[in-house]
Amino acid sequence: MENKHTNTELVTIGAVKEQLKAYMLKAFLEEAGITVFLQNEMSSQLYGNMLEIKIQVSDTDAKKARDLLNESGYVL
């Protein structure tokens, strides 16, 4: 999937079933300056934790995001 704002590809760095965890991960990464997109965010609300919410970042931020999550102990 291409991000129309920056012409970079979006990369899925992980997925979670809990919406609260998705929001926490998004806030954590955005605090570090990484723009985060949550795929299936609304569908997850409709189906109640049956769908995984994909955590997506630009391909240029993917390594930094993974490193930050690993260093902080977040498990995806």
Protein backbone atom coordinates (compact mmCIF):
# COMPACT_ATOMS: atom_id res chain seq x y z
CA MET A 1 0.00 0.00 0.00
CA GLU A 2 1.39 3.39 -0.96
CA ASN A 3 1.15 6.37 1.35
CA LYS A 4 -0.13 9.21 -0.83
CA HIS A 5 1.41 11.85 1.43
CA THR A 6 5.05 10.90 1.11
CA ASN A 7 5.25 8.39 -1.77
CA THR A 8 6.71 5.72 0.48
CA GLU A 9 5.38 2.23 0.98
CA LEU A 10 3.64 1.26 4.19
CA VAL A 11 5.10 -1.73 6.01
CA THR A 12 3.28 -3.84 8.58
CA ILE A 13 5.57 -4.20 11.57
CA GLY A 14 3.16 -6.24 13.65
CA ALA A 15 -0.45 -6.90 14.51
CA VAL A 16 -2.51 -7.04 17.68
CA LYS A 17 -6.06 -8.06 18.49
CA GLU A 18 -6.64 -5.65 21.34
CA GLN A 19 -7.63 -2.16 20.25
CA LEU A 20 -6.22 -0.56 23.40
CA LYS A 21 -2.81 -2.14 22.75
CA ALA A 22 -2.89 -0.84 19.16
CA TYR A 23 -3.55 2.70 20.42
CA MET A 24 -0.78 2.40 23.00
CA LEU A 25 1.72 1.24 20.37
CA LYS A 26 0.64 4.02 18.03
CA ALA A 27 1.08 6.66 20.74
CA PHE A 28 4.48 5.26 21.73
CA LEU A 29 5.80 5.32 18.15
CA GLU A 30 4.30 8.71 17.34
CA GLU A 31 5.98 10.13 20.45
CA ALA A 32 9.25 9.07 18.80
CA GLY A 33 8.29 10.92 15.60
CA ILE A 34 7.05 7.93 13.60
CA THR A 35 3.72 8.25 11.79
CA VAL A 36 1.58 5.16 12.39
CA PHE A 37 -1.42 3.82 10.51
CA LEU A 38 -3.76 1.23 12.03
CA GLN A 39 -5.23 -1.05 9.39
CA ASN A 40 -8.53 -2.78 10.32
CA GLU A 41 -9.04 -0.36 13.22
CA MET A 42 -12.74 0.19 12.53
CA SER A 43 -13.43 -3.39 11.42
CA SER A 44 -11.99 -4.59 14.71
CA GLN A 45 -14.59 -2.51 16.56
CA LEU A 46 -17.38 -4.14 14.57
CA TYR A 47 -16.13 -7.69 15.04
CA GLY A 48 -14.82 -7.38 18.59
CA ASN A 49 -11.18 -8.55 18.67
CA MET A 50 -11.73 -11.19 15.98
CA LEU A 51 -9.63 -9.24 13.47
CA GLU A 52 -6.05 -8.23 13.98
CA ILE A 53 -5.20 -4.56 13.82
CA LYS A 54 -2.08 -4.13 11.70
CA ILE A 55 0.51 -1.62 12.88
CA GLN A 56 1.89 0.08 9.77
CA VAL A 57 4.67 2.62 9.28
CA SER A 58 6.53 3.95 6.26
CA ASP A 59 9.24 1.74 4.89
CA THR A 60 11.80 4.40 5.85
CA ASP A 61 10.71 4.21 9.51
CA ALA A 62 10.22 0.44 9.78
CA LYS A 63 13.65 -0.42 11.20
CA LYS A 64 13.56 2.44 13.72
CA ALA A 65 10.04 1.43 14.82
CA ARG A 66 10.99 -2.24 15.26
CA ASP A 67 14.13 -1.29 17.18
CA LEU A 68 12.19 1.03 19.51
CA LEU A 69 9.57 -1.62 20.19
CA ASN A 70 12.19 -4.29 20.85
CA GLU A 71 14.23 -2.04 23.15
CA SER A 72 11.10 -1.13 25.10
CA GLY A 73 9.92 -4.69 25.51
CA TYR A 74 6.77 -4.41 23.40
CA VAL A 75 5.79 -7.76 21.97
CA LEU A 76 3.80 -7.89 18.75
